[in-house]
Amino acid sequence: MRARAHAYVDACGEYKTPYERERLIQNWEKKQQTAKAIVEDFRKRAMDPKGKRILEVGFGNGAYIVAFSQAGAEVHGLEVNETLLALANELIKEEGVSANIQLYDGSVFPYEKETFDAVYAISVLEHVDDRSLCMAEIARVLKKGGCAYIAFPNRWWPRETHSGYWGISYLPIPLARFVLSLGGLQTIDDLNV
């Protein structure tokens, strides 16, 4: 997984500082373990994924896709990044699971209304241009009585999770952008945070 993380970081050019790069790489190294814990939490809070049709919005490296597939779900995934699609396909093939993953334009989901038993998005909403549209699309593709399982960083946590800067989340975006630029970061724009 570390090699995949390096491949992604090198290809995307968005993680410019050693902190950002290493944070992403360490996150990816733990992601397969984290994915199993996410499936268990999903099972407790939402439903047993076995036999369910589930969509992941923003599948990243594919670790959650693999874990949900191994738990018996029919898994679909959407991503906006071609490099991540390729890396996730590699992982899916290596793990010998089945999943239907694809690129999309970051706006309207390419699925009919009421297609999925559940939709999950983990650490995705803070990178979405139009959160209202994303949430409306999640609601649209969920079957009646379906479940949306969503997790994202707490904006009020003192240390911003992407840049590592303390207190930056409390600032108005133009000021945060300026402060980050003093340290050579463009986190808000590069990572669309």
N, C-alpha and C. Protein backbone atom coordinates (compact mmCIF):
# COMPACT_ATOMS: atom_id res chain seq x y z
N MET A 1 0.83 -1.20 0.00
CA MET A 1 0.00 0.00 0.00
C MET A 1 0.87 1.25 0.00
N ARG A 2 2.01 1.18 0.67
CA ARG A 2 2.91 2.35 0.69
C ARG A 2 3.36 2.70 -0.73
N ALA A 3 3.67 1.69 -1.53
CA ALA A 3 4.09 1.93 -2.92
C ALA A 3 2.97 2.59 -3.71
N ARG A 4 1.73 2.16 -3.49
CA ARG A 4 0.58 2.78 -4.17
C ARG A 4 0.43 4.24 -3.74
N ALA A 5 0.62 4.48 -2.46
CA ALA A 5 0.51 5.86 -1.95
C ALA A 5 1.57 6.74 -2.60
N HIS A 6 2.80 6.24 -2.69
CA HIS A 6 3.87 7.01 -3.34
C HIS A 6 3.52 7.26 -4.81
N ALA A 7 2.99 6.25 -5.49
CA ALA A 7 2.61 6.40 -6.89
C ALA A 7 1.55 7.49 -7.04
N TYR A 8 0.59 7.50 -6.13
CA TYR A 8 -0.47 8.51 -6.20
C TYR A 8 0.09 9.91 -5.92
N VAL A 9 0.86 10.04 -4.86
CA VAL A 9 1.42 11.34 -4.48
C VAL A 9 2.30 11.89 -5.61
N ASP A 10 3.09 11.03 -6.22
CA ASP A 10 3.96 11.47 -7.30
C ASP A 10 3.16 11.87 -8.54
N ALA A 11 2.06 11.17 -8.80
CA ALA A 11 1.25 11.45 -10.00
C ALA A 11 0.40 12.70 -9.86
N CYS A 12 -0.13 12.95 -8.66
CA CYS A 12 -1.09 14.04 -8.54
C CYS A 12 -0.46 15.40 -8.32
N GLY A 13 0.69 15.46 -7.67
CA GLY A 13 1.37 16.73 -7.44
C GLY A 13 0.67 17.65 -6.47
N GLU A 14 -0.30 17.15 -5.73
CA GLU A 14 -1.07 18.00 -4.81
C GLU A 14 -0.48 18.05 -3.40
N TYR A 15 0.23 17.02 -3.02
CA TYR A 15 0.77 16.94 -1.66
C TYR A 15 2.21 17.44 -1.72
N LYS A 16 2.39 18.75 -1.47
CA LYS A 16 3.66 19.41 -1.74
C LYS A 16 4.64 19.40 -0.58
N THR A 17 4.15 19.40 0.65
CA THR A 17 5.07 19.46 1.79
C THR A 17 5.31 18.05 2.34
N PRO A 18 6.43 17.88 3.02
CA PRO A 18 6.70 16.56 3.63
C PRO A 18 5.57 16.12 4.58
N TYR A 19 4.99 17.06 5.33
CA TYR A 19 3.89 16.70 6.25
C TYR A 19 2.71 16.12 5.47
N GLU A 20 2.28 16.82 4.42
CA GLU A 20 1.12 16.37 3.64
C GLU A 20 1.38 15.01 3.00
N ARG A 21 2.57 14.87 2.42
CA ARG A 21 2.92 13.60 1.74
C ARG A 21 2.94 12.45 2.75
N GLU A 22 3.65 12.65 3.84
CA GLU A 22 3.79 11.56 4.82
C GLU A 22 2.46 11.23 5.48
N ARG A 23 1.65 12.23 5.73
CA ARG A 23 0.32 11.99 6.32
C ARG A 23 -0.51 11.11 5.39
N LEU A 24 -0.53 11.41 4.11
CA LEU A 24 -1.28 10.60 3.16
C LEU A 24 -0.73 9.18 3.10
N ILE A 25 0.59 9.06 3.03
CA ILE A 25 1.21 7.74 2.93
C ILE A 25 0.90 6.90 4.17
N GLN A 26 1.03 7.49 5.35
CA GLN A 26 0.70 6.75 6.58
C GLN A 26 -0.77 6.37 6.63
N ASN A 27 -1.64 7.28 6.17
CA ASN A 27 -3.07 6.99 6.13
C ASN A 27 -3.33 5.79 5.22
N TRP A 28 -2.71 5.75 4.08
CA TRP A 28 -2.90 4.63 3.15
C TRP A 28 -2.36 3.34 3.72
N GLU A 29 -1.25 3.41 4.46
CA GLU A 29 -0.69 2.19 5.06
C GLU A 29 -1.67 1.56 6.04
N LYS A 30 -2.43 2.38 6.75
CA LYS A 30 -3.39 1.88 7.75
C LYS A 30 -4.77 1.62 7.17
N LYS A 31 -4.99 2.02 5.92
CA LYS A 31 -6.35 2.04 5.37
C LYS A 31 -7.01 0.67 5.32
N GLN A 32 -6.27 -0.40 5.03
CA GLN A 32 -6.91 -1.71 4.97
C GLN A 32 -7.40 -2.15 6.35
N GLN A 33 -6.63 -1.86 7.39
CA GLN A 33 -7.09 -2.15 8.76
C GLN A 33 -8.28 -1.26 9.11
N THR A 34 -8.16 0.01 8.78
CA THR A 34 -9.24 0.96 9.04
C THR A 34 -10.51 0.52 8.31
N ALA A 35 -10.35 0.01 7.08
CA ALA A 35 -11.50 -0.41 6.29
C ALA A 35 -12.28 -1.51 6.99
N LYS A 36 -11.59 -2.46 7.56
CA LYS A 36 -12.28 -3.54 8.30
C LYS A 36 -13.06 -2.97 9.50
N ALA A 37 -12.46 -2.00 10.19
CA ALA A 37 -13.14 -1.36 11.32
C ALA A 37 -14.35 -0.56 10.84
N ILE A 38 -14.24 0.08 9.68
CA ILE A 38 -15.37 0.83 9.11
C ILE A 38 -16.53 -0.11 8.81
N VAL A 39 -16.22 -1.27 8.21
CA VAL A 39 -17.27 -2.25 7.91
C VAL A 39 -17.97 -2.68 9.20
N GLU A 40 -17.21 -2.92 10.24
CA GLU A 40 -17.81 -3.34 11.52
C GLU A 40 -18.67 -2.22 12.11
N ASP A 41 -18.19 -0.99 12.02
CA ASP A 41 -18.98 0.14 12.52
C ASP A 41 -20.26 0.30 11.69
N PHE A 42 -20.12 0.15 10.39
CA PHE A 42 -21.27 0.21 9.48
C PHE A 42 -22.30 -0.86 9.86
N ARG A 43 -21.79 -2.05 10.15
CA ARG A 43 -22.67 -3.17 10.54
C ARG A 43 -23.44 -2.83 11.81
N LYS A 44 -22.77 -2.19 12.77
CA LYS A 44 -23.42 -1.83 14.05
C LYS A 44 -24.40 -0.67 13.89
N ARG A 45 -23.98 0.37 13.17
CA ARG A 45 -24.78 1.60 13.09
C ARG A 45 -25.82 1.60 11.98
N ALA A 46 -25.56 0.86 10.91
CA ALA A 46 -26.42 0.95 9.74
C ALA A 46 -27.11 -0.38 9.43
N MET A 47 -26.35 -1.35 8.95
CA MET A 47 -26.92 -2.63 8.53
C MET A 47 -25.80 -3.62 8.24
N ASP A 48 -26.16 -4.87 8.18
CA ASP A 48 -25.22 -5.90 7.74
C ASP A 48 -25.05 -5.71 6.23
N PRO A 49 -23.84 -5.50 5.74
CA PRO A 49 -23.65 -5.25 4.32
C PRO A 49 -23.87 -6.47 3.42
N LYS A 50 -23.88 -7.66 4.01
CA LYS A 50 -24.01 -8.89 3.21
C LYS A 50 -25.29 -8.86 2.38
N GLY A 51 -25.11 -9.05 1.08
CA GLY A 51 -26.25 -9.09 0.17
C GLY A 51 -26.84 -7.74 -0.18
N LYS A 52 -26.27 -6.67 0.33
CA LYS A 52 -26.79 -5.32 0.06
C LYS A 52 -26.05 -4.69 -1.12
N ARG A 53 -26.76 -3.84 -1.83
CA ARG A 53 -26.17 -3.08 -2.93
C ARG A 53 -25.73 -1.74 -2.35
N ILE A 54 -24.42 -1.50 -2.38
CA ILE A 54 -23.85 -0.35 -1.67
C ILE A 54 -22.98 0.47 -2.62
N LEU A 55 -23.05 1.80 -2.47
CA LEU A 55 -22.25 2.73 -3.26
C LEU A 55 -21.28 3.47 -2.36
N GLU A 56 -20.01 3.53 -2.78
CA GLU A 56 -19.04 4.41 -2.12
C GLU A 56 -18.80 5.62 -3.01
N VAL A 57 -18.96 6.79 -2.43
CA VAL A 57 -18.68 8.04 -3.14
C VAL A 57 -17.26 8.46 -2.75
N GLY A 58 -16.38 8.56 -3.74
CA GLY A 58 -14.99 8.93 -3.48
C GLY A 58 -14.20 7.77 -2.92
N PHE A 59 -14.01 6.70 -3.71
CA PHE A 59 -13.42 5.46 -3.19
C PHE A 59 -11.91 5.51 -3.00
N GLY A 60 -11.25 6.55 -3.46
CA GLY A 60 -9.80 6.69 -3.20
C GLY A 60 -9.01 5.49 -3.67
N ASN A 61 -8.25 4.89 -2.77
CA ASN A 61 -7.38 3.77 -3.15
C ASN A 61 -8.10 2.44 -3.25
N GLY A 62 -9.38 2.39 -2.88
CA GLY A 62 -10.17 1.17 -3.01
C GLY A 62 -10.22 0.26 -1.80
N ALA A 63 -9.56 0.63 -0.71
CA ALA A 63 -9.52 -0.25 0.47
C ALA A 63 -10.91 -0.51 1.05
N TYR A 64 -11.76 0.52 1.11
CA TYR A 64 -13.10 0.32 1.65
C TYR A 64 -13.95 -0.53 0.70
N ILE A 65 -13.76 -0.32 -0.60
CA ILE A 65 -14.46 -1.13 -1.61
C ILE A 65 -14.16 -2.61 -1.37
N VAL A 66 -12.88 -2.93 -1.19
CA VAL A 66 -12.45 -4.31 -0.97
C VAL A 66 -13.08 -4.86 0.31
N ALA A 67 -13.01 -4.09 1.40
CA ALA A 67 -13.54 -4.57 2.68
C ALA A 67 -15.05 -4.83 2.62
N PHE A 68 -15.79 -3.94 1.98
CA PHE A 68 -17.24 -4.14 1.86
C PHE A 68 -17.56 -5.32 0.95
N SER A 69 -16.78 -5.50 -0.10
CA SER A 69 -16.97 -6.64 -0.99
C SER A 69 -16.68 -7.95 -0.23
N GLN A 70 -15.61 -7.95 0.56
CA GLN A 70 -15.28 -9.14 1.35
C GLN A 70 -16.36 -9.44 2.39
N ALA A 71 -17.10 -8.42 2.80
CA ALA A 71 -18.19 -8.60 3.77
C ALA A 71 -19.49 -9.05 3.08
N GLY A 72 -19.43 -9.26 1.77
CA GLY A 72 -20.57 -9.81 1.05
C GLY A 72 -21.47 -8.82 0.36
N ALA A 73 -21.07 -7.56 0.29
CA ALA A 73 -21.90 -6.54 -0.37
C ALA A 73 -21.63 -6.54 -1.88
N GLU A 74 -22.61 -6.10 -2.63
CA GLU A 74 -22.42 -5.79 -4.04
C GLU A 74 -22.01 -4.32 -4.06
N VAL A 75 -20.74 -4.07 -4.33
CA VAL A 75 -20.19 -2.72 -4.14
C VAL A 75 -19.99 -2.01 -5.48
N HIS A 76 -20.40 -0.75 -5.48
CA HIS A 76 -20.19 0.16 -6.60
C HIS A 76 -19.42 1.36 -6.05
N GLY A 77 -18.67 2.04 -6.90
CA GLY A 77 -17.92 3.19 -6.42
C GLY A 77 -17.76 4.26 -7.48
N LEU A 78 -17.72 5.50 -7.01
CA LEU A 78 -17.51 6.66 -7.87
C LEU A 78 -16.28 7.43 -7.40
N GLU A 79 -15.52 7.92 -8.36
CA GLU A 79 -14.31 8.69 -8.07
C GLU A 79 -14.12 9.69 -9.21
N VAL A 80 -13.46 10.81 -8.90
CA VAL A 80 -13.20 11.83 -9.92
C VAL A 80 -11.76 11.77 -10.45
N ASN A 81 -10.92 10.95 -9.85
CA ASN A 81 -9.50 10.94 -10.16
C ASN A 81 -9.10 9.65 -10.88
N GLU A 82 -8.55 9.79 -12.10
CA GLU A 82 -8.16 8.64 -12.91
C GLU A 82 -7.06 7.80 -12.27
N THR A 83 -6.09 8.45 -11.63
CA THR A 83 -5.01 7.71 -10.97
C THR A 83 -5.57 6.83 -9.85
N LEU A 84 -6.50 7.38 -9.07
CA LEU A 84 -7.11 6.59 -8.00
C LEU A 84 -7.92 5.43 -8.57
N LEU A 85 -8.60 5.64 -9.68
CA LEU A 85 -9.34 4.56 -10.32
C LEU A 85 -8.40 3.41 -10.68
N ALA A 86 -7.27 3.74 -11.28
CA ALA A 86 -6.30 2.70 -11.68
C ALA A 86 -5.74 1.97 -10.46
N LEU A 87 -5.39 2.71 -9.41
CA LEU A 87 -4.85 2.09 -8.19
C LEU A 87 -5.89 1.22 -7.50
N ALA A 88 -7.13 1.68 -7.45
CA ALA A 88 -8.20 0.88 -6.83
C ALA A 88 -8.46 -0.39 -7.64
N ASN A 89 -8.44 -0.28 -8.96
CA ASN A 89 -8.62 -1.48 -9.80
C ASN A 89 -7.52 -2.50 -9.55
N GLU A 90 -6.27 -2.03 -9.37
CA GLU A 90 -5.16 -2.93 -9.03
C GLU A 90 -5.44 -3.67 -7.73
N LEU A 91 -5.86 -2.92 -6.71
CA LEU A 91 -6.12 -3.52 -5.40
C LEU A 91 -7.27 -4.52 -5.48
N ILE A 92 -8.32 -4.17 -6.17
CA ILE A 92 -9.48 -5.06 -6.32
C ILE A 92 -9.05 -6.36 -6.99
N LYS A 93 -8.25 -6.25 -8.02
CA LYS A 93 -7.76 -7.44 -8.73
C LYS A 93 -6.88 -8.28 -7.82
N GLU A 94 -5.94 -7.63 -7.12
CA GLU A 94 -5.04 -8.33 -6.19
C GLU A 94 -5.81 -9.09 -5.12
N GLU A 95 -6.84 -8.46 -4.60
CA GLU A 95 -7.62 -9.06 -3.50
C GLU A 95 -8.65 -10.07 -4.00
N GLY A 96 -8.84 -10.13 -5.31
CA GLY A 96 -9.74 -11.12 -5.89
C GLY A 96 -11.21 -10.90 -5.55
N VAL A 97 -11.59 -9.62 -5.44
CA VAL A 97 -13.00 -9.31 -5.17
C VAL A 97 -13.63 -8.70 -6.40
N SER A 98 -14.94 -8.56 -6.33
CA SER A 98 -15.69 -7.98 -7.44
C SER A 98 -16.26 -6.64 -7.00
N ALA A 99 -16.16 -5.65 -7.88
CA ALA A 99 -16.74 -4.33 -7.61
C ALA A 99 -16.90 -3.60 -8.93
N ASN A 100 -17.87 -2.74 -8.97
CA ASN A 100 -18.13 -1.93 -10.16
C ASN A 100 -17.76 -0.50 -9.83
N ILE A 101 -16.54 -0.09 -10.22
CA ILE A 101 -16.09 1.26 -9.91
C ILE A 101 -15.88 2.04 -11.20
N GLN A 102 -16.12 3.35 -11.10
CA GLN A 102 -16.01 4.17 -12.29
C GLN A 102 -15.73 5.63 -11.95
N LEU A 103 -15.27 6.36 -12.97
CA LEU A 103 -15.09 7.81 -12.86
C LEU A 103 -16.44 8.47 -13.09
N TYR A 104 -16.60 9.65 -12.48
CA TYR A 104 -17.76 10.49 -12.78
C TYR A 104 -17.31 11.92 -12.68
N ASP A 105 -18.19 12.84 -13.07
CA ASP A 105 -17.81 14.25 -13.18
C ASP A 105 -17.83 15.03 -11.87
N GLY A 106 -18.13 14.38 -10.76
CA GLY A 106 -18.15 15.07 -9.47
C GLY A 106 -19.46 15.76 -9.18
N SER A 107 -20.46 15.56 -10.02
CA SER A 107 -21.75 16.20 -9.76
C SER A 107 -22.86 15.15 -9.70
N VAL A 108 -23.50 14.87 -10.81
CA VAL A 108 -24.64 13.95 -10.82
C VAL A 108 -24.15 12.51 -10.88
N PHE A 109 -24.66 11.66 -9.98
CA PHE A 109 -24.28 10.25 -9.96
C PHE A 109 -24.92 9.54 -11.16
N PRO A 110 -24.17 8.68 -11.85
CA PRO A 110 -24.69 8.01 -13.03
C PRO A 110 -25.53 6.76 -12.69
N TYR A 111 -26.49 6.93 -11.81
CA TYR A 111 -27.36 5.84 -11.38
C TYR A 111 -28.81 6.32 -11.36
N GLU A 112 -29.71 5.37 -11.51
CA GLU A 112 -31.13 5.66 -11.42
C GLU A 112 -31.52 5.96 -9.98
N LYS A 113 -32.65 6.57 -9.82
CA LYS A 113 -33.23 6.85 -8.51
C LYS A 113 -33.46 5.52 -7.77
N GLU A 114 -33.22 5.54 -6.46
CA GLU A 114 -33.47 4.39 -5.56
C GLU A 114 -32.77 3.11 -6.03
N THR A 115 -31.47 3.21 -6.23
CA THR A 115 -30.66 2.08 -6.70
C THR A 115 -29.98 1.32 -5.57
N PHE A 116 -29.62 2.02 -4.47
CA PHE A 116 -28.77 1.41 -3.45
C PHE A 116 -29.44 1.28 -2.09
N ASP A 117 -29.05 0.21 -1.38
CA ASP A 117 -29.50 0.01 -0.01
C ASP A 117 -28.77 0.96 0.93
N ALA A 118 -27.54 1.27 0.57
CA ALA A 118 -26.73 2.17 1.39
C ALA A 118 -25.73 2.91 0.51
N VAL A 119 -25.36 4.10 0.96
CA VAL A 119 -24.30 4.89 0.32
C VAL A 119 -23.37 5.34 1.44
N TYR A 120 -22.07 5.23 1.21
CA TYR A 120 -21.14 5.76 2.21
C TYR A 120 -20.10 6.66 1.55
N ALA A 121 -19.67 7.65 2.32
CA ALA A 121 -18.63 8.59 1.89
C ALA A 121 -17.79 8.89 3.12
N ILE A 122 -16.52 8.54 3.05
CA ILE A 122 -15.64 8.71 4.21
C ILE A 122 -14.50 9.65 3.83
N SER A 123 -14.42 10.77 4.54
CA SER A 123 -13.43 11.81 4.26
C SER A 123 -13.50 12.27 2.81
N VAL A 124 -14.72 12.54 2.36
CA VAL A 124 -14.96 12.99 1.00
C VAL A 124 -15.64 14.36 0.98
N LEU A 125 -16.64 14.56 1.83
CA LEU A 125 -17.43 15.79 1.76
C LEU A 125 -16.61 17.06 1.90
N GLU A 126 -15.50 17.00 2.61
CA GLU A 126 -14.69 18.22 2.75
C GLU A 126 -13.95 18.57 1.46
N HIS A 127 -14.00 17.68 0.45
CA HIS A 127 -13.34 17.93 -0.83
C HIS A 127 -14.32 18.19 -1.97
N VAL A 128 -15.60 18.20 -1.68
CA VAL A 128 -16.64 18.31 -2.71
C VAL A 128 -16.96 19.78 -2.98
N ASP A 129 -17.08 20.15 -4.25
CA ASP A 129 -17.41 21.53 -4.62
C ASP A 129 -18.79 21.93 -4.12
N ASP A 130 -19.78 21.07 -4.32
CA ASP A 130 -21.16 21.39 -3.98
C ASP A 130 -21.72 20.31 -3.05
N ARG A 131 -21.53 20.52 -1.74
CA ARG A 131 -21.97 19.52 -0.76
C ARG A 131 -23.48 19.30 -0.81
N SER A 132 -24.25 20.35 -1.07
CA SER A 132 -25.70 20.20 -1.15
C SER A 132 -26.08 19.27 -2.29
N LEU A 133 -25.45 19.43 -3.44
CA LEU A 133 -25.72 18.56 -4.57
C LEU A 133 -25.31 17.13 -4.26
N CYS A 134 -24.14 16.96 -3.65
CA CYS A 134 -23.66 15.63 -3.30
C CYS A 134 -24.65 14.93 -2.36
N MET A 135 -25.11 15.64 -1.35
CA MET A 135 -26.07 15.05 -0.41
C MET A 135 -27.40 14.75 -1.10
N ALA A 136 -27.82 15.62 -2.01
CA ALA A 136 -29.07 15.38 -2.76
C ALA A 136 -28.92 14.15 -3.64
N GLU A 137 -27.76 13.97 -4.24
CA GLU A 137 -27.52 12.79 -5.08
C GLU A 137 -27.50 11.51 -4.24
N ILE A 138 -26.90 11.58 -3.06
CA ILE A 138 -26.91 10.43 -2.16
C ILE A 138 -28.35 10.06 -1.83
N ALA A 139 -29.16 11.05 -1.48
CA ALA A 139 -30.57 10.80 -1.15
C ALA A 139 -31.32 10.25 -2.36
N ARG A 140 -31.02 10.76 -3.54
CA ARG A 140 -31.72 10.33 -4.76
C ARG A 140 -31.47 8.86 -5.08
N VAL A 141 -30.22 8.40 -4.94
CA VAL A 141 -29.90 7.02 -5.33
C VAL A 141 -30.19 6.00 -4.24
N LEU A 142 -30.50 6.48 -3.03
CA LEU A 142 -30.85 5.56 -1.94
C LEU A 142 -32.27 5.04 -2.11
N LYS A 143 -32.44 3.74 -1.84
CA LYS A 143 -33.78 3.17 -1.81
C LYS A 143 -34.51 3.74 -0.60
N LYS A 144 -35.83 3.73 -0.63
CA LYS A 144 -36.61 4.15 0.54
C LYS A 144 -36.19 3.29 1.72
N GLY A 145 -35.92 3.93 2.84
CA GLY A 145 -35.45 3.20 4.02
C GLY A 145 -33.97 2.88 3.98
N GLY A 146 -33.26 3.36 2.94
CA GLY A 146 -31.83 3.11 2.83
C GLY A 146 -31.04 3.94 3.83
N CYS A 147 -29.75 3.73 3.86
CA CYS A 147 -28.90 4.37 4.86
C CYS A 147 -27.73 5.11 4.22
N ALA A 148 -27.51 6.33 4.65
CA ALA A 148 -26.32 7.10 4.27
C ALA A 148 -25.35 7.07 5.45
N TYR A 149 -24.15 6.59 5.21
CA TYR A 149 -23.11 6.49 6.25
C TYR A 149 -22.00 7.44 5.83
N ILE A 150 -21.87 8.55 6.56
CA ILE A 150 -20.97 9.62 6.13
C ILE A 150 -20.06 10.04 7.29
N ALA A 151 -18.78 10.19 6.99
CA ALA A 151 -17.82 10.63 7.99
C ALA A 151 -16.89 11.65 7.35
N PHE A 152 -16.49 12.65 8.13
CA PHE A 152 -15.57 13.67 7.63
C PHE A 152 -14.91 14.33 8.83
N PRO A 153 -13.77 15.01 8.61
CA PRO A 153 -13.07 15.66 9.73
C PRO A 153 -13.93 16.75 10.38
N ASN A 154 -13.75 16.91 11.65
CA ASN A 154 -14.44 17.94 12.42
C ASN A 154 -13.76 19.28 12.13
N ARG A 155 -14.52 20.20 11.55
CA ARG A 155 -13.95 21.51 11.19
C ARG A 155 -13.42 22.25 12.43
N TRP A 156 -13.96 21.98 13.57
CA TRP A 156 -13.56 22.70 14.78
C TRP A 156 -12.44 22.01 15.56
N TRP A 157 -11.90 20.91 15.03
CA TRP A 157 -10.75 20.28 15.66
C TRP A 157 -9.58 21.26 15.57
N PRO A 158 -8.83 21.47 16.63
CA PRO A 158 -7.79 22.51 16.61
C PRO A 158 -6.74 22.35 15.51
N ARG A 159 -6.36 21.11 15.20
CA ARG A 159 -5.34 20.92 14.17
C ARG A 159 -6.01 20.43 12.89
N GLU A 160 -5.92 21.24 11.84
CA GLU A 160 -6.55 20.90 10.56
C GLU A 160 -5.90 19.63 10.01
N THR A 161 -6.73 18.68 9.59
CA THR A 161 -6.22 17.34 9.27
C THR A 161 -5.43 17.26 7.96
N HIS A 162 -5.61 18.18 7.04
CA HIS A 162 -4.93 18.08 5.75
C HIS A 162 -3.58 18.80 5.74
N SER A 163 -3.54 19.99 6.32
CA SER A 163 -2.31 20.77 6.31
C SER A 163 -1.45 20.55 7.55
N GLY A 164 -2.09 20.16 8.65
CA GLY A 164 -1.37 20.00 9.91
C GLY A 164 -1.25 21.30 10.69
N TYR A 165 -1.79 22.39 10.17
CA TYR A 165 -1.71 23.68 10.84
C TYR A 165 -2.73 23.76 11.98
N TRP A 166 -2.28 24.35 13.07
CA TRP A 166 -3.16 24.55 14.22
C TRP A 166 -4.02 25.79 14.01
N GLY A 167 -5.32 25.66 14.25
CA GLY A 167 -6.23 26.80 14.24
C GLY A 167 -6.65 27.31 12.87
N ILE A 168 -6.12 26.74 11.81
CA ILE A 168 -6.40 27.26 10.47
C ILE A 168 -7.88 27.13 10.11
N SER A 169 -8.54 26.13 10.63
CA SER A 169 -9.96 25.91 10.31
C SER A 169 -10.87 26.99 10.88
N TYR A 170 -10.38 27.71 11.87
CA TYR A 170 -11.20 28.75 12.50
C TYR A 170 -11.19 30.06 11.70
N LEU A 171 -10.29 30.15 10.72
CA LEU A 171 -10.13 31.39 9.96
C LEU A 171 -11.06 31.43 8.75
N PRO A 172 -11.43 32.64 8.32
CA PRO A 172 -12.15 32.75 7.03
C PRO A 172 -11.23 32.21 5.92
N ILE A 173 -11.81 31.63 4.90
CA ILE A 173 -11.02 30.98 3.85
C ILE A 173 -9.95 31.89 3.25
N PRO A 174 -10.24 33.15 2.90
CA PRO A 174 -9.16 33.98 2.32
C PRO A 174 -7.96 34.15 3.27
N LEU A 175 -8.24 34.31 4.56
CA LEU A 175 -7.15 34.45 5.53
C LEU A 175 -6.42 33.11 5.70
N ALA A 176 -7.16 32.01 5.77
CA ALA A 176 -6.54 30.69 5.89
C ALA A 176 -5.65 30.42 4.67
N ARG A 177 -6.12 30.77 3.48
CA ARG A 177 -5.35 30.60 2.25
C ARG A 177 -4.04 31.39 2.34
N PHE A 178 -4.10 32.64 2.86
CA PHE A 178 -2.92 33.47 3.01
C PHE A 178 -1.94 32.87 4.02
N VAL A 179 -2.44 32.45 5.18
CA VAL A 179 -1.57 31.87 6.22
C VAL A 179 -0.89 30.61 5.69
N LEU A 180 -1.64 29.76 5.02
CA LEU A 180 -1.05 28.54 4.46
C LEU A 180 0.02 28.88 3.42
N SER A 181 -0.22 29.92 2.63
CA SER A 181 0.76 30.29 1.59
C SER A 181 2.08 30.73 2.21
N LEU A 182 2.05 31.29 3.42
CA LEU A 182 3.29 31.69 4.10
C LEU A 182 4.18 30.47 4.36
N GLY A 183 3.54 29.32 4.54
CA GLY A 183 4.29 28.07 4.74
C GLY A 183 4.50 27.30 3.46
N GLY A 184 4.18 27.93 2.33
CA GLY A 184 4.37 27.27 1.04
C GLY A 184 3.28 26.28 0.68
N LEU A 185 2.15 26.34 1.38
CA LEU A 185 1.05 25.40 1.12
C LEU A 185 -0.06 26.07 0.34
N GLN A 186 -0.72 25.28 -0.47
CA GLN A 186 -1.94 25.69 -1.16
C GLN A 186 -3.01 24.63 -0.91
N THR A 187 -3.05 24.13 0.30
CA THR A 187 -3.91 23.01 0.66
C THR A 187 -5.36 23.23 0.27
N ILE A 188 -5.89 24.40 0.51
CA ILE A 188 -7.30 24.68 0.23
C ILE A 188 -7.58 24.46 -1.25
N ASP A 189 -6.71 24.96 -2.10
CA ASP A 189 -6.92 24.83 -3.55
C ASP A 189 -6.46 23.49 -4.09
N ASP A 190 -5.28 23.03 -3.68
CA ASP A 190 -4.74 21.78 -4.19
C ASP A 190 -5.63 20.58 -3.86
N LEU A 191 -6.11 20.53 -2.62
CA LEU A 191 -6.92 19.39 -2.18
C LEU A 191 -8.40 19.71 -2.22
N ASN A 192 -8.74 20.88 -2.74
CA ASN A 192 -10.14 21.32 -2.81
C ASN A 192 -10.82 21.17 -1.44
N VAL A 193 -10.13 21.61 -0.40
CA VAL A 193 -10.68 21.52 0.95
C VAL A 193 -11.56 22.73 1.21
